Amino acid sequence: MGLLTWIVFGFIAGTVAGWVTGHRGGGCVSRIVVGVVGALVGGSLARAAGIKQVSFQSFTLVGLLIAIAGASLLLLILETVTGRSGHSRF
């Protein structure tokens, strides 16, 4: 995938993962980073689980779902480690 595709892919995955986990913190850049790192984490876990169809060479629904799952897992781990939830206090 090209750089622009990774950015869009990461933003979508990071945004949806934020909705799933209830994480409201961060801006566009942090959502992109969480989405891209989540895609790498999710892809690695999927390959370790024996799912061979995982490929981020193109924008696919399966790849997006795995990226969202990985980004959600990443946000939950970050919340556990830091002790901050990112939920709005107001």
PDB file of N, CA and C in Angstrom:
ATOM      1  N   MET A   1       0.839  -1.175   0.000  1.00  0.00           N
ATOM      2  CA  MET A   1       0.000   0.000   0.000  1.00  0.00           C
ATOM      3  C   MET A   1       0.881   1.234   0.000  1.00  0.00           C
ATOM      4  N   GLY A   2       0.392   2.269  -0.604  1.00  0.00           N
ATOM      5  CA  GLY A   2       1.108   3.524  -0.594  1.00  0.00           C
ATOM      6  C   GLY A   2       0.952   4.240   0.738  1.00  0.00           C
ATOM      7  N   LEU A   3       1.752   5.258   0.938  1.00  0.00           N
ATOM      8  CA  LEU A   3       1.749   6.003   2.191  1.00  0.00           C
ATOM      9  C   LEU A   3       0.386   6.628   2.480  1.00  0.00           C
ATOM     10  N   LEU A   4      -0.230   7.224   1.485  1.00  0.00           N
ATOM     11  CA  LEU A   4      -1.541   7.855   1.678  1.00  0.00           C
ATOM     12  C   LEU A   4      -2.595   6.820   2.059  1.00  0.00           C
ATOM     13  N   THR A   5      -2.531   5.648   1.466  1.00  0.00           N
ATOM     14  CA  THR A   5      -3.477   4.582   1.795  1.00  0.00           C
ATOM     15  C   THR A   5      -3.279   4.126   3.231  1.00  0.00           C
ATOM     16  N   TRP A   6      -2.040   3.987   3.680  1.00  0.00           N
ATOM     17  CA  TRP A   6      -1.767   3.612   5.075  1.00  0.00           C
ATOM     18  C   TRP A   6      -2.310   4.665   6.030  1.00  0.00           C
ATOM     19  N   ILE A   7      -2.171   5.942   5.685  1.00  0.00           N
ATOM     20  CA  ILE A   7      -2.672   7.025   6.536  1.00  0.00           C
ATOM     21  C   ILE A   7      -4.191   6.954   6.644  1.00  0.00           C
ATOM     22  N   VAL A   8      -4.874   6.803   5.527  1.00  0.00           N
ATOM     23  CA  VAL A   8      -6.344   6.704   5.540  1.00  0.00           C
ATOM     24  C   VAL A   8      -6.776   5.447   6.281  1.00  0.00           C
ATOM     25  N   PHE A   9      -6.150   4.337   5.979  1.00  0.00           N
ATOM     26  CA  PHE A   9      -6.435   3.056   6.627  1.00  0.00           C
ATOM     27  C   PHE A   9      -6.240   3.172   8.139  1.00  0.00           C
ATOM     28  N   GLY A  10      -5.134   3.771   8.563  1.00  0.00           N
ATOM     29  CA  GLY A  10      -4.841   3.951   9.977  1.00  0.00           C
ATOM     30  C   GLY A  10      -5.838   4.862  10.659  1.00  0.00           C
ATOM     31  N   PHE A  11      -6.235   5.937   9.984  1.00  0.00           N
ATOM     32  CA  PHE A  11      -7.204   6.859  10.565  1.00  0.00           C
ATOM     33  C   PHE A  11      -8.549   6.171  10.778  1.00  0.00           C
ATOM     34  N   ILE A  12      -8.993   5.424   9.790  1.00  0.00           N
ATOM     35  CA  ILE A  12     -10.278   4.716   9.922  1.00  0.00           C
ATOM     36  C   ILE A  12     -10.205   3.690  11.044  1.00  0.00           C
ATOM     37  N   ALA A  13      -9.163   2.881  11.056  1.00  0.00           N
ATOM     38  CA  ALA A  13      -9.018   1.854  12.091  1.00  0.00           C
ATOM     39  C   ALA A  13      -8.893   2.480  13.473  1.00  0.00           C
ATOM     40  N   GLY A  14      -8.103   3.527  13.614  1.00  0.00           N
ATOM     41  CA  GLY A  14      -7.925   4.192  14.899  1.00  0.00           C
ATOM     42  C   GLY A  14      -9.195   4.849  15.401  1.00  0.00           C
ATOM     43  N   THR A  15      -9.955   5.451  14.497  1.00  0.00           N
ATOM     44  CA  THR A  15     -11.208   6.096  14.875  1.00  0.00           C
ATOM     45  C   THR A  15     -12.230   5.072  15.339  1.00  0.00           C
ATOM     46  N   VAL A  16     -12.398   4.003  14.573  1.00  0.00           N
ATOM     47  CA  VAL A  16     -13.365   2.962  14.952  1.00  0.00           C
ATOM     48  C   VAL A  16     -12.944   2.286  16.255  1.00  0.00           C
ATOM     49  N   ALA A  17     -11.650   2.042  16.422  1.00  0.00           N
ATOM     50  CA  ALA A  17     -11.159   1.444  17.668  1.00  0.00           C
ATOM     51  C   ALA A  17     -11.448   2.354  18.857  1.00  0.00           C
ATOM     52  N   GLY A  18     -11.344   3.652  18.668  1.00  0.00           N
ATOM     53  CA  GLY A  18     -11.686   4.602  19.721  1.00  0.00           C
ATOM     54  C   GLY A  18     -13.151   4.519  20.087  1.00  0.00           C
ATOM     55  N   TRP A  19     -14.018   4.363  19.086  1.00  0.00           N
ATOM     56  CA  TRP A  19     -15.456   4.204  19.355  1.00  0.00           C
ATOM     57  C   TRP A  19     -15.721   2.903  20.095  1.00  0.00           C
ATOM     58  N   VAL A  20     -15.065   1.833  19.669  1.00  0.00           N
ATOM     59  CA  VAL A  20     -15.281   0.515  20.272  1.00  0.00           C
ATOM     60  C   VAL A  20     -14.862   0.506  21.738  1.00  0.00           C
ATOM     61  N   THR A  21     -13.719   1.106  22.036  1.00  0.00           N
ATOM     62  CA  THR A  21     -13.193   1.072  23.402  1.00  0.00           C
ATOM     63  C   THR A  21     -13.686   2.229  24.257  1.00  0.00           C
ATOM     64  N   GLY A  22     -14.322   3.215  23.657  1.00  0.00           N
ATOM     65  CA  GLY A  22     -14.772   4.384  24.399  1.00  0.00           C
ATOM     66  C   GLY A  22     -13.665   5.383  24.655  1.00  0.00           C
ATOM     67  N   HIS A  23     -12.551   5.244  23.964  1.00  0.00           N
ATOM     68  CA  HIS A  23     -11.402   6.130  24.121  1.00  0.00           C
ATOM     69  C   HIS A  23     -11.665   7.417  23.349  1.00  0.00           C
ATOM     70  N   ARG A  24     -11.695   8.529  24.051  1.00  0.00           N
ATOM     71  CA  ARG A  24     -12.020   9.804  23.416  1.00  0.00           C
ATOM     72  C   ARG A  24     -10.829  10.739  23.278  1.00  0.00           C
ATOM     73  N   GLY A  25      -9.669  10.323  23.733  1.00  0.00           N
ATOM     74  CA  GLY A  25      -8.503  11.196  23.698  1.00  0.00           C
ATOM     75  C   GLY A  25      -7.800  11.193  22.356  1.00  0.00           C
ATOM     76  N   GLY A  26      -6.989  12.206  22.145  1.00  0.00           N
ATOM     77  CA  GLY A  26      -6.142  12.252  20.969  1.00  0.00           C
ATOM     78  C   GLY A  26      -6.779  12.927  19.778  1.00  0.00           C
ATOM     79  N   GLY A  27      -5.937  13.253  18.829  1.00  0.00           N
ATOM     80  CA  GLY A  27      -6.386  13.896  17.613  1.00  0.00           C
ATOM     81  C   GLY A  27      -6.150  13.003  16.407  1.00  0.00           C
ATOM     82  N   CYS A  28      -6.098  13.625  15.257  1.00  0.00           N
ATOM     83  CA  CYS A  28      -5.961  12.878  13.999  1.00  0.00           C
ATOM     84  C   CYS A  28      -4.659  12.084  13.927  1.00  0.00           C
ATOM     85  N   VAL A  29      -3.566  12.705  14.330  1.00  0.00           N
ATOM     86  CA  VAL A  29      -2.273  12.025  14.229  1.00  0.00           C
ATOM     87  C   VAL A  29      -2.227  10.809  15.155  1.00  0.00           C
ATOM     88  N   SER A  30      -2.732  10.966  16.377  1.00  0.00           N
ATOM     89  CA  SER A  30      -2.705   9.823  17.301  1.00  0.00           C
ATOM     90  C   SER A  30      -3.625   8.709  16.812  1.00  0.00           C
ATOM     91  N   ARG A  31      -4.731   9.044  16.174  1.00  0.00           N
ATOM     92  CA  ARG A  31      -5.621   8.016  15.620  1.00  0.00           C
ATOM     93  C   ARG A  31      -4.946   7.270  14.477  1.00  0.00           C
ATOM     94  N   ILE A  32      -4.216   7.988  13.652  1.00  0.00           N
ATOM     95  CA  ILE A  32      -3.494   7.353  12.549  1.00  0.00           C
ATOM     96  C   ILE A  32      -2.427   6.410  13.106  1.00  0.00           C
ATOM     97  N   VAL A  33      -1.669   6.880  14.096  1.00  0.00           N
ATOM     98  CA  VAL A  33      -0.611   6.050  14.680  1.00  0.00           C
ATOM     99  C   VAL A  33      -1.209   4.806  15.329  1.00  0.00           C
ATOM    100  N   VAL A  34      -2.277   4.977  16.111  1.00  0.00           N
ATOM    101  CA  VAL A  34      -2.929   3.830  16.754  1.00  0.00           C
ATOM    102  C   VAL A  34      -3.453   2.864  15.699  1.00  0.00           C
ATOM    103  N   GLY A  35      -4.037   3.377  14.620  1.00  0.00           N
ATOM    104  CA  GLY A  35      -4.562   2.521  13.563  1.00  0.00           C
ATOM    105  C   GLY A  35      -3.488   1.747  12.825  1.00  0.00           C
ATOM    106  N   VAL A  36      -2.390   2.407  12.501  1.00  0.00           N
ATOM    107  CA  VAL A  36      -1.303   1.736  11.776  1.00  0.00           C
ATOM    108  C   VAL A  36      -0.614   0.710  12.677  1.00  0.00           C
ATOM    109  N   VAL A  37      -0.308   1.095  13.916  1.00  0.00           N
ATOM    110  CA  VAL A  37       0.308   0.143  14.841  1.00  0.00           C
ATOM    111  C   VAL A  37      -0.665  -1.001  15.132  1.00  0.00           C
ATOM    112  N   GLY A  38      -1.944  -0.676  15.261  1.00  0.00           N
ATOM    113  CA  GLY A  38      -2.967  -1.705  15.467  1.00  0.00           C
ATOM    114  C   GLY A  38      -3.044  -2.677  14.294  1.00  0.00           C
ATOM    115  N   ALA A  39      -2.877  -2.175  13.089  1.00  0.00           N
ATOM    116  CA  ALA A  39      -2.864  -3.045  11.912  1.00  0.00           C
ATOM    117  C   ALA A  39      -1.677  -4.000  11.963  1.00  0.00           C
ATOM    118  N   LEU A  40      -0.532  -3.505  12.376  1.00  0.00           N
ATOM    119  CA  LEU A  40       0.651  -4.358  12.486  1.00  0.00           C
ATOM    120  C   LEU A  40       0.481  -5.399  13.595  1.00  0.00           C
ATOM    121  N   VAL A  41      -0.058  -4.969  14.744  1.00  0.00           N
ATOM    122  CA  VAL A  41      -0.300  -5.898  15.857  1.00  0.00           C
ATOM    123  C   VAL A  41      -1.348  -6.939  15.464  1.00  0.00           C
ATOM    124  N   GLY A  42      -2.463  -6.471  14.926  1.00  0.00           N
ATOM    125  CA  GLY A  42      -3.535  -7.383  14.519  1.00  0.00           C
ATOM    126  C   GLY A  42      -3.095  -8.356  13.441  1.00  0.00           C
ATOM    127  N   GLY A  43      -2.329  -7.873  12.477  1.00  0.00           N
ATOM    128  CA  GLY A  43      -1.815  -8.738  11.424  1.00  0.00           C
ATOM    129  C   GLY A  43      -0.867  -9.798  11.958  1.00  0.00           C
ATOM    130  N   SER A  44      -0.016  -9.396  12.890  1.00  0.00           N
ATOM    131  CA  SER A  44       0.919 -10.356  13.494  1.00  0.00           C
ATOM    132  C   SER A  44       0.168 -11.422  14.289  1.00  0.00           C
ATOM    133  N   LEU A  45      -0.819 -10.995  15.068  1.00  0.00           N
ATOM    134  CA  LEU A  45      -1.617 -11.951  15.847  1.00  0.00           C
ATOM    135  C   LEU A  45      -2.420 -12.887  14.935  1.00  0.00           C
ATOM    136  N   ALA A  46      -2.959 -12.344  13.853  1.00  0.00           N
ATOM    137  CA  ALA A  46      -3.728 -13.168  12.920  1.00  0.00           C
ATOM    138  C   ALA A  46      -2.831 -14.207  12.248  1.00  0.00           C
ATOM    139  N   ARG A  47      -1.638 -13.798  11.846  1.00  0.00           N
ATOM    140  CA  ARG A  47      -0.700 -14.755  11.241  1.00  0.00           C
ATOM    141  C   ARG A  47      -0.272 -15.812  12.242  1.00  0.00           C
ATOM    142  N   ALA A  48      -0.052 -15.396  13.506  1.00  0.00           N
ATOM    143  CA  ALA A  48       0.323 -16.349  14.551  1.00  0.00           C
ATOM    144  C   ALA A  48      -0.803 -17.336  14.833  1.00  0.00           C
ATOM    145  N   ALA A  49      -2.043 -16.899  14.626  1.00  0.00           N
ATOM    146  CA  ALA A  49      -3.205 -17.768  14.826  1.00  0.00           C
ATOM    147  C   ALA A  49      -3.457 -18.669  13.617  1.00  0.00           C
ATOM    148  N   GLY A  50      -2.661 -18.500  12.567  1.00  0.00           N
ATOM    149  CA  GLY A  50      -2.785 -19.364  11.401  1.00  0.00           C
ATOM    150  C   GLY A  50      -3.671 -18.823  10.297  1.00  0.00           C
ATOM    151  N   ILE A  51      -4.067 -17.576  10.390  1.00  0.00           N
ATOM    152  CA  ILE A  51      -4.891 -16.966   9.333  1.00  0.00           C
ATOM    153  C   ILE A  51      -3.938 -16.505   8.235  1.00  0.00           C
ATOM    154  N   LYS A  52      -3.972 -17.188   7.130  1.00  0.00           N
ATOM    155  CA  LYS A  52      -3.020 -16.933   6.039  1.00  0.00           C
ATOM    156  C   LYS A  52      -3.490 -15.851   5.065  1.00  0.00           C
ATOM    157  N   GLN A  53      -4.774 -15.512   5.107  1.00  0.00           N
ATOM    158  CA  GLN A  53      -5.321 -14.558   4.143  1.00  0.00           C
ATOM    159  C   GLN A  53      -5.021 -13.112   4.506  1.00  0.00           C
ATOM    160  N   VAL A  54      -4.322 -12.881   5.607  1.00  0.00           N
ATOM    161  CA  VAL A  54      -4.044 -11.518   6.040  1.00  0.00           C
ATOM    162  C   VAL A  54      -2.997 -10.900   5.137  1.00  0.00           C
ATOM    163  N   SER A  55      -3.367  -9.811   4.514  1.00  0.00           N
ATOM    164  CA  SER A  55      -2.431  -9.082   3.676  1.00  0.00           C
ATOM    165  C   SER A  55      -2.832  -7.621   3.685  1.00  0.00           C
ATOM    166  N   PHE A  56      -1.884  -6.754   3.930  1.00  0.00           N
ATOM    167  CA  PHE A  56      -2.157  -5.320   3.905  1.00  0.00           C
ATOM    168  C   PHE A  56      -1.619  -4.712   2.617  1.00  0.00           C
ATOM    169  N   GLN A  57      -1.538  -5.537   1.577  1.00  0.00           N
ATOM    170  CA  GLN A  57      -1.085  -5.044   0.277  1.00  0.00           C
ATOM    171  C   GLN A  57      -2.152  -4.210  -0.402  1.00  0.00           C
ATOM    172  N   SER A  58      -3.407  -4.435  -0.037  1.00  0.00           N
ATOM    173  CA  SER A  58      -4.502  -3.660  -0.602  1.00  0.00           C
ATOM    174  C   SER A  58      -5.521  -3.391   0.492  1.00  0.00           C
ATOM    175  N   PHE A  59      -6.385  -2.461   0.247  1.00  0.00           N
ATOM    176  CA  PHE A  59      -7.402  -2.050   1.201  1.00  0.00           C
ATOM    177  C   PHE A  59      -8.545  -3.058   1.141  1.00  0.00           C
ATOM    178  N   THR A  60      -8.620  -3.954   2.133  1.00  0.00           N
ATOM    179  CA  THR A  60      -9.674  -4.967   2.151  1.00  0.00           C
ATOM    180  C   THR A  60     -10.463  -4.883   3.450  1.00  0.00           C
ATOM    181  N   LEU A  61     -11.674  -5.413   3.433  1.00  0.00           N
ATOM    182  CA  LEU A  61     -12.513  -5.422   4.618  1.00  0.00           C
ATOM    183  C   LEU A  61     -11.902  -6.285   5.721  1.00  0.00           C
ATOM    184  N   VAL A  62     -11.355  -7.445   5.357  1.00  0.00           N
ATOM    185  CA  VAL A  62     -10.723  -8.326   6.348  1.00  0.00           C
ATOM    186  C   VAL A  62      -9.533  -7.616   6.996  1.00  0.00           C
ATOM    187  N   GLY A  63      -8.724  -6.975   6.194  1.00  0.00           N
ATOM    188  CA  GLY A  63      -7.583  -6.231   6.722  1.00  0.00           C
ATOM    189  C   GLY A  63      -8.023  -5.104   7.644  1.00  0.00           C
ATOM    190  N   LEU A  64      -9.106  -4.412   7.271  1.00  0.00           N
ATOM    191  CA  LEU A  64      -9.613  -3.331   8.101  1.00  0.00           C
ATOM    192  C   LEU A  64     -10.144  -3.857   9.430  1.00  0.00           C
ATOM    193  N   LEU A  65     -10.859  -4.966   9.405  1.00  0.00           N
ATOM    194  CA  LEU A  65     -11.384  -5.555  10.643  1.00  0.00           C
ATOM    195  C   LEU A  65     -10.250  -6.016  11.566  1.00  0.00           C
ATOM    196  N   ILE A  66      -9.215  -6.586  10.987  1.00  0.00           N
ATOM    197  CA  ILE A  66      -8.059  -7.009  11.784  1.00  0.00           C
ATOM    198  C   ILE A  66      -7.332  -5.790  12.345  1.00  0.00           C
ATOM    199  N   ALA A  67      -7.224  -4.735  11.562  1.00  0.00           N
ATOM    200  CA  ALA A  67      -6.587  -3.509  12.043  1.00  0.00           C
ATOM    201  C   ALA A  67      -7.393  -2.884  13.182  1.00  0.00           C
ATOM    202  N   ILE A  68      -8.707  -2.891  13.069  1.00  0.00           N
ATOM    203  CA  ILE A  68      -9.569  -2.359  14.128  1.00  0.00           C
ATOM    204  C   ILE A  68      -9.415  -3.190  15.397  1.00  0.00           C
ATOM    205  N   ALA A  69      -9.387  -4.502  15.253  1.00  0.00           N
ATOM    206  CA  ALA A  69      -9.203  -5.374  16.419  1.00  0.00           C
ATOM    207  C   ALA A  69      -7.851  -5.126  17.071  1.00  0.00           C
ATOM    208  N   GLY A  70      -6.806  -5.007  16.277  1.00  0.00           N
ATOM    209  CA  GLY A  70      -5.470  -4.746  16.808  1.00  0.00           C
ATOM    210  C   GLY A  70      -5.378  -3.380  17.473  1.00  0.00           C
ATOM    211  N   ALA A  71      -5.996  -2.369  16.866  1.00  0.00           N
ATOM    212  CA  ALA A  71      -5.976  -1.024  17.445  1.00  0.00           C
ATOM    213  C   ALA A  71      -6.789  -0.982  18.743  1.00  0.00           C
ATOM    214  N   SER A  72      -7.901  -1.703  18.786  1.00  0.00           N
ATOM    215  CA  SER A  72      -8.707  -1.772  20.014  1.00  0.00           C
ATOM    216  C   SER A  72      -7.907  -2.433  21.128  1.00  0.00           C
ATOM    217  N   LEU A  73      -7.237  -3.520  20.804  1.00  0.00           N
ATOM    218  CA  LEU A  73      -6.395  -4.209  21.778  1.00  0.00           C
ATOM    219  C   LEU A  73      -5.283  -3.280  22.267  1.00  0.00           C
ATOM    220  N   LEU A  74      -4.680  -2.560  21.345  1.00  0.00           N
ATOM    221  CA  LEU A  74      -3.615  -1.624  21.698  1.00  0.00           C
ATOM    222  C   LEU A  74      -4.132  -0.547  22.644  1.00  0.00           C
ATOM    223  N   LEU A  75      -5.309   0.026  22.371  1.00  0.00           N
ATOM    224  CA  LEU A  75      -5.869   1.060  23.242  1.00  0.00           C
ATOM    225  C   LEU A  75      -6.185   0.508  24.629  1.00  0.00           C
ATOM    226  N   LEU A  76      -6.730  -0.704  24.679  1.00  0.00           N
ATOM    227  CA  LEU A  76      -7.042  -1.311  25.973  1.00  0.00           C
ATOM    228  C   LEU A  76      -5.775  -1.576  26.787  1.00  0.00           C
ATOM    229  N   ILE A  77      -4.723  -2.033  26.123  1.00  0.00           N
ATOM    230  CA  ILE A  77      -3.451  -2.263  26.808  1.00  0.00           C
ATOM    231  C   ILE A  77      -2.869  -0.938  27.303  1.00  0.00           C
ATOM    232  N   LEU A  78      -2.900   0.088  26.475  1.00  0.00           N
ATOM    233  CA  LEU A  78      -2.387   1.397  26.880  1.00  0.00           C
ATOM    234  C   LEU A  78      -3.154   1.954  28.072  1.00  0.00           C
ATOM    235  N   GLU A  79      -4.469   1.788  28.071  1.00  0.00           N
ATOM    236  CA  GLU A  79      -5.276   2.254  29.196  1.00  0.00           C
ATOM    237  C   GLU A  79      -4.925   1.494  30.469  1.00  0.00           C
ATOM    238  N   THR A  80      -4.685   0.197  30.347  1.00  0.00           N
ATOM    239  CA  THR A  80      -4.332  -0.614  31.510  1.00  0.00           C
ATOM    240  C   THR A  80      -2.958  -0.226  32.053  1.00  0.00           C
ATOM    241  N   VAL A  81      -2.005  -0.040  31.170  1.00  0.00           N
ATOM    242  CA  VAL A  81      -0.629   0.268  31.581  1.00  0.00           C
ATOM    243  C   VAL A  81      -0.532   1.678  32.172  1.00  0.00           C
ATOM    244  N   THR A  82      -1.168   2.649  31.534  1.00  0.00           N
ATOM    245  CA  THR A  82      -1.052   4.034  31.987  1.00  0.00           C
ATOM    246  C   THR A  82      -2.020   4.369  33.109  1.00  0.00           C
ATOM    247  N   GLY A  83      -3.088   3.596  33.250  1.00  0.00           N
ATOM    248  CA  GLY A  83      -4.070   3.876  34.281  1.00  0.00           C
ATOM    249  C   GLY A  83      -5.022   4.999  33.934  1.00  0.00           C
ATOM    250  N   ARG A  84      -4.927   5.472  32.699  1.00  0.00           N
ATOM    251  CA  ARG A  84      -5.838   6.522  32.242  1.00  0.00           C
ATOM    252  C   ARG A  84      -6.764   5.952  31.207  1.00  0.00           C
ATOM    253  N   SER A  85      -8.031   6.354  31.263  1.00  0.00           N
ATOM    254  CA  SER A  85      -9.009   5.741  30.370  1.00  0.00           C
ATOM    255  C   SER A  85      -9.220   6.533  29.085  1.00  0.00           C
ATOM    256  N   GLY A  86      -8.946   7.808  29.069  1.00  0.00           N
ATOM    257  CA  GLY A  86      -9.182   8.588  27.868  1.00  0.00           C
ATOM    258  C   GLY A  86     -10.637   8.982  27.708  1.00  0.00           C
ATOM    259  N   HIS A  87     -11.505   8.546  28.632  1.00  0.00           N
ATOM    260  CA  HIS A  87     -12.903   8.929  28.582  1.00  0.00           C
ATOM    261  C   HIS A  87     -13.040  10.382  28.972  1.00  0.00           C
ATOM    262  N   SER A  88     -13.997  11.026  28.402  1.00  0.00           N
ATOM    263  CA  SER A  88     -14.249  12.422  28.744  1.00  0.00           C
ATOM    264  C   SER A  88     -14.737  12.512  30.187  1.00  0.00           C
ATOM    265  N   ARG A  89     -14.205  13.417  30.943  1.00  0.00           N
ATOM    266  CA  ARG A  89     -14.573  13.573  32.346  1.00  0.00           C
ATOM    267  C   ARG A  89     -15.781  14.499  32.507  1.00  0.00           C
ATOM    268  N   PHE A  90     -16.207  15.145  31.441  1.00  0.00           N
ATOM    269  CA  PHE A  90     -17.296  16.121  31.549  1.00  0.00           C
ATOM    270  C   PHE A  90     -18.576  15.586  30.999  1.00  0.00           C
TER     271      PHE A  90
END
